[in-house]
Protein backbone atom coordinates (compact mmCIF):
# COMPACT_ATOMS: atom_id res chain seq x y z
CA UNK A 1 4.65 47.39 23.21
CA UNK A 2 8.15 47.47 24.75
CA UNK A 3 11.09 45.32 23.63
CA UNK A 4 10.50 42.68 26.31
CA UNK A 5 6.83 42.38 25.41
CA UNK A 6 7.68 42.06 21.73
CA UNK A 7 10.20 39.31 22.54
CA UNK A 8 7.61 37.34 24.53
CA UNK A 9 5.00 37.86 21.80
CA UNK A 10 7.49 36.48 19.30
CA UNK A 11 8.16 33.45 21.51
CA UNK A 12 4.43 32.87 22.03
CA UNK A 13 3.85 33.11 18.30
CA UNK A 14 6.55 30.53 17.66
CA UNK A 15 5.02 28.18 20.22
CA UNK A 16 1.58 28.52 18.61
CA UNK A 17 3.05 27.94 15.14
CA UNK A 18 4.99 24.86 16.35
CA UNK A 19 1.87 23.50 18.04
CA UNK A 20 -0.13 24.00 14.86
CA UNK A 21 2.49 22.30 12.71
CA UNK A 22 2.74 19.45 15.22
CA UNK A 23 -1.03 19.01 15.16
CA UNK A 24 -0.96 18.89 11.35
CA UNK A 25 1.77 16.25 11.37
CA UNK A 26 -0.03 14.06 13.88
CA UNK A 27 -3.34 14.25 12.03
CA UNK A 28 -1.99 13.88 8.52
CA UNK A 29 -1.69 10.10 8.25
CA UNK A 30 -4.25 8.56 5.91
CA UNK A 31 -6.02 5.49 7.26
CA UNK A 32 -7.54 2.65 5.25
CA UNK A 33 -8.38 -1.04 5.18
CA UNK A 34 -7.54 -4.23 3.33
CA UNK A 35 -10.29 -6.62 2.34
CA UNK A 36 -11.00 -9.92 0.62
CA UNK A 37 -13.87 -12.37 0.18
CA UNK A 38 -13.78 -12.82 3.97
CA UNK A 39 -15.72 -9.53 4.18
CA UNK A 40 -18.27 -10.80 1.63
CA UNK A 41 -18.06 -13.65 -0.86
CA UNK A 42 -19.61 -11.52 -3.61
CA UNK A 43 -18.01 -8.28 -2.49
CA UNK A 44 -18.47 -6.02 0.49
CA UNK A 45 -21.84 -4.24 0.32
CA UNK A 46 -21.82 -0.69 -1.01
CA UNK A 47 -23.31 0.51 2.29
CA UNK A 48 -20.16 -0.63 4.11
CA UNK A 49 -17.91 1.14 1.61
CA UNK A 50 -20.02 4.27 2.08
CA UNK A 51 -19.58 4.02 5.84
CA UNK A 52 -15.81 3.52 5.53
CA UNK A 53 -15.64 6.70 3.46
CA UNK A 54 -17.77 8.56 6.00
CA UNK A 55 -15.37 7.43 8.75
CA UNK A 56 -12.47 9.01 6.87
CA UNK A 57 -10.92 5.85 5.41
CA UNK A 58 -9.21 7.11 2.28
CA UNK A 59 -7.71 3.95 0.79
CA UNK A 60 -8.24 0.21 0.49
CA UNK A 61 -6.22 -2.76 -0.67
CA UNK A 62 -8.24 -5.59 -2.17
CA UNK A 63 -7.17 -9.22 -2.57
CA UNK A 64 -7.37 -10.39 -6.18
CA UNK A 65 -5.27 -13.54 -6.47
CA UNK A 66 -3.39 -16.24 -4.56
CA UNK A 67 -0.70 -18.54 -5.88
CA UNK A 68 -1.42 -19.97 -9.30
CA UNK A 69 -3.59 -23.07 -9.31
CA UNK A 70 -7.34 -23.40 -8.71
CA UNK A 71 -9.37 -23.70 -6.60
CA UNK A 72 -9.09 -20.44 -4.71
CA UNK A 73 -6.53 -18.78 -6.93
CA UNK A 74 -8.84 -15.88 -7.80
CA UNK A 75 -10.73 -13.91 -5.16
CA UNK A 76 -14.09 -13.57 -6.92
CA UNK A 77 -15.02 -10.50 -4.87
CA UNK A 78 -12.18 -8.33 -6.13
CA UNK A 79 -13.80 -6.61 -9.15
CA UNK A 80 -16.88 -5.70 -7.13
CA UNK A 81 -14.79 -4.38 -4.24
CA UNK A 82 -12.67 -2.26 -6.59
CA UNK A 83 -15.77 -0.80 -8.22
CA UNK A 84 -17.56 -0.08 -4.94
CA UNK A 85 -14.49 1.51 -3.33
CA UNK A 86 -14.06 3.68 -6.42
CA UNK A 87 -17.74 4.68 -6.29
CA UNK A 88 -17.13 6.58 -3.05
CA UNK A 89 -13.70 7.96 -3.94
CA UNK A 90 -11.65 5.53 -1.84
CA UNK A 91 -8.27 5.08 -3.52
CA UNK A 92 -7.67 1.39 -4.08
CA UNK A 93 -5.20 -1.18 -5.28
CA UNK A 94 -4.95 -4.96 -5.49
CA UNK A 95 -2.77 -7.53 -3.79
CA UNK A 96 -1.53 -11.03 -4.55
CA UNK A 97 -1.07 -13.62 -1.81
CA UNK A 98 2.23 -15.21 -2.81
CA UNK A 99 2.88 -18.95 -2.58
CA UNK A 100 6.63 -19.50 -2.81
CA UNK A 101 6.03 -22.56 -0.65
CA UNK A 102 4.29 -24.18 -3.65
CA UNK A 103 6.64 -23.04 -6.42
CA UNK A 104 9.95 -22.05 -4.80
CA UNK A 105 11.96 -21.04 -7.89
CA UNK A 106 12.21 -17.67 -9.58
CA UNK A 107 10.36 -19.24 -12.50
CA UNK A 108 7.45 -19.83 -10.13
CA UNK A 109 7.61 -16.21 -8.97
CA UNK A 110 7.40 -14.99 -12.56
CA UNK A 111 4.46 -17.30 -13.25
CA UNK A 112 2.58 -15.91 -10.24
CA UNK A 113 3.35 -12.33 -11.26
CA UNK A 114 2.10 -13.02 -14.79
CA UNK A 115 -1.09 -14.53 -13.38
CA UNK A 116 -1.59 -11.56 -11.04
CA UNK A 117 -1.27 -9.05 -13.87
CA UNK A 118 -3.38 -11.10 -16.28
CA UNK A 119 -6.17 -11.32 -13.71
CA UNK A 120 -6.15 -7.89 -12.08
CA UNK A 121 -3.99 -5.76 -14.37
CA UNK A 122 -6.83 -3.33 -15.03
CA UNK A 123 -6.54 -2.28 -11.37
CA UNK A 124 -2.83 -1.54 -11.89
CA UNK A 125 -3.46 1.47 -14.07
CA UNK A 126 -3.35 5.24 -13.57
CA UNK A 127 -5.34 6.39 -10.56
CA UNK A 128 -5.09 3.12 -8.65
CA UNK A 129 -2.64 2.43 -5.85
CA UNK A 130 0.45 0.43 -6.69
CA UNK A 131 -0.05 -3.34 -6.44
CA UNK A 132 1.14 -5.42 -3.50
CA UNK A 133 2.82 -8.79 -3.04
CA UNK A 134 1.58 -10.35 0.21
CA UNK A 135 4.44 -12.45 1.58
CA UNK A 136 3.45 -14.72 4.46
CA UNK A 137 4.63 -18.10 3.12
CA UNK A 138 7.98 -19.47 2.03
CA UNK A 139 9.97 -19.52 5.25
CA UNK A 140 11.22 -23.00 4.32
CA UNK A 141 13.36 -21.34 1.63
CA UNK A 142 16.72 -19.83 2.46
CA UNK A 143 16.76 -16.05 2.91
CA UNK A 144 18.67 -15.74 -0.35
CA UNK A 145 16.22 -17.91 -2.30
CA UNK A 146 13.16 -16.16 -0.87
CA UNK A 147 14.68 -12.77 -1.65
CA UNK A 148 15.34 -13.95 -5.21
CA UNK A 149 11.69 -14.98 -5.40
CA UNK A 150 10.39 -11.60 -4.25
CA UNK A 151 12.68 -9.67 -6.59
CA UNK A 152 11.72 -11.86 -9.54
CA UNK A 153 8.03 -11.20 -8.83
CA UNK A 154 8.60 -7.45 -8.48
CA UNK A 155 10.69 -7.30 -11.66
CA UNK A 156 8.07 -9.12 -13.68
CA UNK A 157 5.23 -6.82 -12.60
CA UNK A 158 7.40 -3.80 -13.42
CA UNK A 159 8.25 -5.30 -16.82
CA UNK A 160 4.55 -5.77 -17.57
CA UNK A 161 3.04 -2.63 -16.02
CA UNK A 162 5.90 -0.14 -15.76
CA UNK A 163 7.99 1.28 -12.93
CA UNK A 164 5.08 3.35 -11.64
CA UNK A 165 3.36 0.06 -10.73
CA UNK A 166 6.29 -1.37 -8.77
CA UNK A 167 4.83 -3.72 -6.13
CA UNK A 168 4.87 -2.88 -2.44
CA UNK A 169 5.86 -5.75 -0.14
CA UNK A 170 3.36 -6.69 2.58
CA UNK A 171 4.83 -8.99 5.19
CA UNK A 172 5.00 -9.78 8.88
CA UNK A 173 7.59 -8.53 11.33
CA UNK A 174 9.12 -12.02 11.59
CA UNK A 175 9.56 -12.25 7.81
CA UNK A 176 10.95 -8.71 7.64
CA UNK A 177 13.52 -9.54 10.30
CA UNK A 178 14.53 -13.10 9.52
CA UNK A 179 13.38 -14.37 6.11
CA UNK A 180 14.76 -11.82 3.61
CA UNK A 181 18.13 -10.27 2.94
CA UNK A 182 19.18 -6.65 2.44
CA UNK A 183 18.53 -6.63 -1.31
CA UNK A 184 14.92 -5.73 -0.51
CA UNK A 185 15.95 -2.80 1.71
CA UNK A 186 14.77 -0.11 -0.71
CA UNK A 187 11.47 -1.73 -1.60
CA UNK A 188 8.42 -0.11 -0.05
CA UNK A 189 7.25 -2.04 3.00
CA UNK A 190 3.76 -2.62 4.30
CA UNK A 191 4.25 -4.36 7.63
CA UNK A 192 2.02 -6.30 9.98
CA UNK A 193 3.56 -5.90 13.38
CA UNK A 194 2.38 -4.64 16.76
CA UNK A 195 -0.94 -2.83 17.06
CA UNK A 196 -0.92 0.84 18.04
CA UNK A 197 -2.27 4.34 17.51
CA UNK A 198 -2.38 5.01 13.75
CA UNK A 199 -1.54 8.70 14.12
CA UNK A 200 1.29 8.56 16.64
CA UNK A 201 2.39 4.92 16.73
CA UNK A 202 5.09 3.06 14.84
CA UNK A 203 5.73 -0.59 14.00
CA UNK A 204 8.30 -2.04 16.38
CA UNK A 205 10.58 -3.07 13.53
CA UNK A 206 11.11 -2.79 9.79
CA UNK A 207 13.60 -5.66 9.68
CA UNK A 208 15.94 -5.48 6.69
CA UNK A 209 13.81 -2.76 5.06
CA UNK A 210 14.95 0.84 5.34
CA UNK A 211 11.55 2.23 6.35
CA UNK A 212 7.86 1.45 6.42
CA UNK A 213 5.31 2.84 3.97
CA UNK A 214 2.14 1.20 5.33
CA UNK A 215 1.45 -0.37 8.71
CA UNK A 216 -1.39 -2.74 9.62
CA UNK A 217 -2.06 -1.15 12.97
CA UNK A 218 -5.21 -3.01 14.01
CA UNK A 219 -7.80 -5.67 13.22
CA UNK A 220 -11.25 -4.71 14.41
CA UNK A 221 -14.57 -3.08 13.56
CA UNK A 222 -14.81 -0.42 10.85
CA UNK A 223 -17.35 0.52 8.22
CA UNK A 224 -20.00 -1.57 9.89
CA UNK A 225 -17.85 -4.70 9.50
CA UNK A 226 -17.13 -6.59 12.71
CA UNK A 227 -13.53 -7.51 11.90
CA UNK A 228 -11.44 -5.90 9.19
CA UNK A 229 -7.71 -5.22 8.75
CA UNK A 230 -6.92 -1.55 9.36
CA UNK A 231 -3.91 0.22 7.90
CA UNK A 232 -2.16 3.57 7.97
CA UNK A 233 0.24 5.40 5.66
CA UNK A 234 3.61 6.64 6.90
CA UNK A 235 2.76 10.11 5.65
CA UNK A 236 5.82 11.72 7.24
CA UNK A 237 7.95 9.58 4.93
CA UNK A 238 5.76 9.56 1.80
CA UNK A 239 2.13 10.66 1.42
CA UNK A 240 -0.60 8.41 0.07
CA UNK A 241 -0.59 10.34 -3.21
CA UNK A 242 2.96 9.13 -3.93
CA UNK A 243 1.69 5.53 -4.14
CA UNK A 244 -0.85 6.30 -6.85
CA UNK A 245 0.13 4.92 -10.25
CA UNK A 246 0.90 7.73 -12.68
CA UNK A 247 -0.42 7.68 -16.24
CA UNK A 248 1.56 6.63 -19.28
CA UNK A 249 2.73 9.48 -21.54
CA UNK A 250 -0.13 10.73 -23.67
CA UNK A 251 -2.89 9.82 -21.22
CA UNK A 252 -2.61 12.84 -18.89
CA UNK A 253 -5.60 14.53 -20.52
CA UNK A 254 -7.90 11.81 -19.20
CA UNK A 255 -6.09 11.31 -15.91
CA UNK A 256 -6.18 14.81 -14.45
CA UNK A 257 -9.99 15.29 -14.61
CA UNK A 258 -10.49 11.86 -13.02
CA UNK A 259 -8.01 12.68 -10.26
CA UNK A 260 -9.68 16.04 -9.67
CA UNK A 261 -13.08 14.38 -9.26
CA UNK A 262 -11.68 11.83 -6.80
CA UNK A 263 -9.97 14.53 -4.75
CA UNK A 264 -13.12 16.66 -4.73
CA UNK A 265 -15.09 13.71 -3.37
CA UNK A 266 -12.56 13.16 -0.62
CA UNK A 267 -12.62 16.85 0.36
CA UNK A 268 -16.39 16.79 0.66
CA UNK A 269 -16.25 13.78 3.00
CA UNK A 270 -13.49 14.99 5.30
CA UNK A 271 -12.16 18.21 6.77
CA UNK A 272 -8.86 16.65 7.78
CA UNK A 273 -5.79 18.67 6.87
CA UNK A 274 -3.79 17.50 3.91
CA UNK A 275 -0.01 17.30 3.71
CA UNK A 276 1.82 19.83 1.53
CA UNK A 277 3.63 17.15 -0.48
CA UNK A 278 1.18 16.64 -3.35
CA UNK A 279 3.84 17.18 -6.00
CA UNK A 280 5.28 13.74 -5.22
CA UNK A 281 2.32 12.19 -7.04
CA UNK A 282 4.04 12.72 -10.35
CA UNK A 283 7.59 11.80 -9.44
CA UNK A 284 8.94 8.95 -11.52
CA UNK A 285 10.14 6.04 -9.44
CA UNK A 286 13.46 4.69 -10.63
CA UNK A 287 14.95 1.32 -9.87
CA UNK A 288 16.53 1.54 -6.42
CA UNK A 289 17.99 -1.87 -5.83
CA UNK A 290 20.05 -4.50 -7.63
CA UNK A 291 18.04 -7.31 -9.17
CA UNK A 292 20.70 -9.99 -9.01
CA UNK A 293 18.99 -13.37 -8.99
CA UNK A 294 20.64 -16.63 -8.13
CA UNK A 295 20.19 -19.32 -10.72
CA UNK A 296 17.44 -21.79 -9.84
CA UNK A 297 17.50 -25.37 -11.06
CA UNK A 298 14.38 -26.74 -9.38
CA UNK A 299 11.13 -26.99 -11.26
CA UNK A 300 8.17 -25.09 -9.80
CA UNK A 301 5.42 -27.18 -8.34
């Protein structure tokens, strides 16, 4: 082969390598769902979880609590949904639907966080996804007061469950843009915005947050369910594995075999390429934002 031919072969090889790497990057995003009693008052049937796994859905967020006061403050389907998702190797975590509109002080935020952990704390342990605060209410508060509320909730969960269980913030694009201030910028964001392609699309905005971690990209059929929220991980920024709660010191012996079994189950179900960033699973998350809270004088409702 002459020099010119070798040069073109080198160029062609680079093109093929780039195309392969590009294909990996565009196929690497994990997709999942979020569910509640709306998909089954006593839990979504195991057959639907099996079908979600077969479709390549690798994670699920499950509603466990809302606000503080009954009725309706506990989603009765959550323990069953956690168990059935786990049965088929779908990584899962729980979320709390926040009600700052009912108890607008930081004291109220702490009460809701305590209730969340007391109810669903066993799903905020090693091997589960980090918990989520679902923020869709409270726009009658000032941006400063609502930010105080969110930070108080996050701080309390961290105080109770450790920094590895720091809550992710789920919210809408309008809340991300106009209802919070920049003190939440470094919190991990799960945003409900525009719909789009989960592998190549992006939310239209992240508001005051620096980046997005999860994106609710569609609501539609999946797993044999007619209408279900569908979500995707921003794998290019941080892989799904980085949102798994790490074990407390001394419990690694039990954690690693369990993780290996879960990963083996996922490999059997899917041939999709994995990202090369698995080591981030065991990075310790440090506090990344100031938790300065304004004093609140109002009593929570």
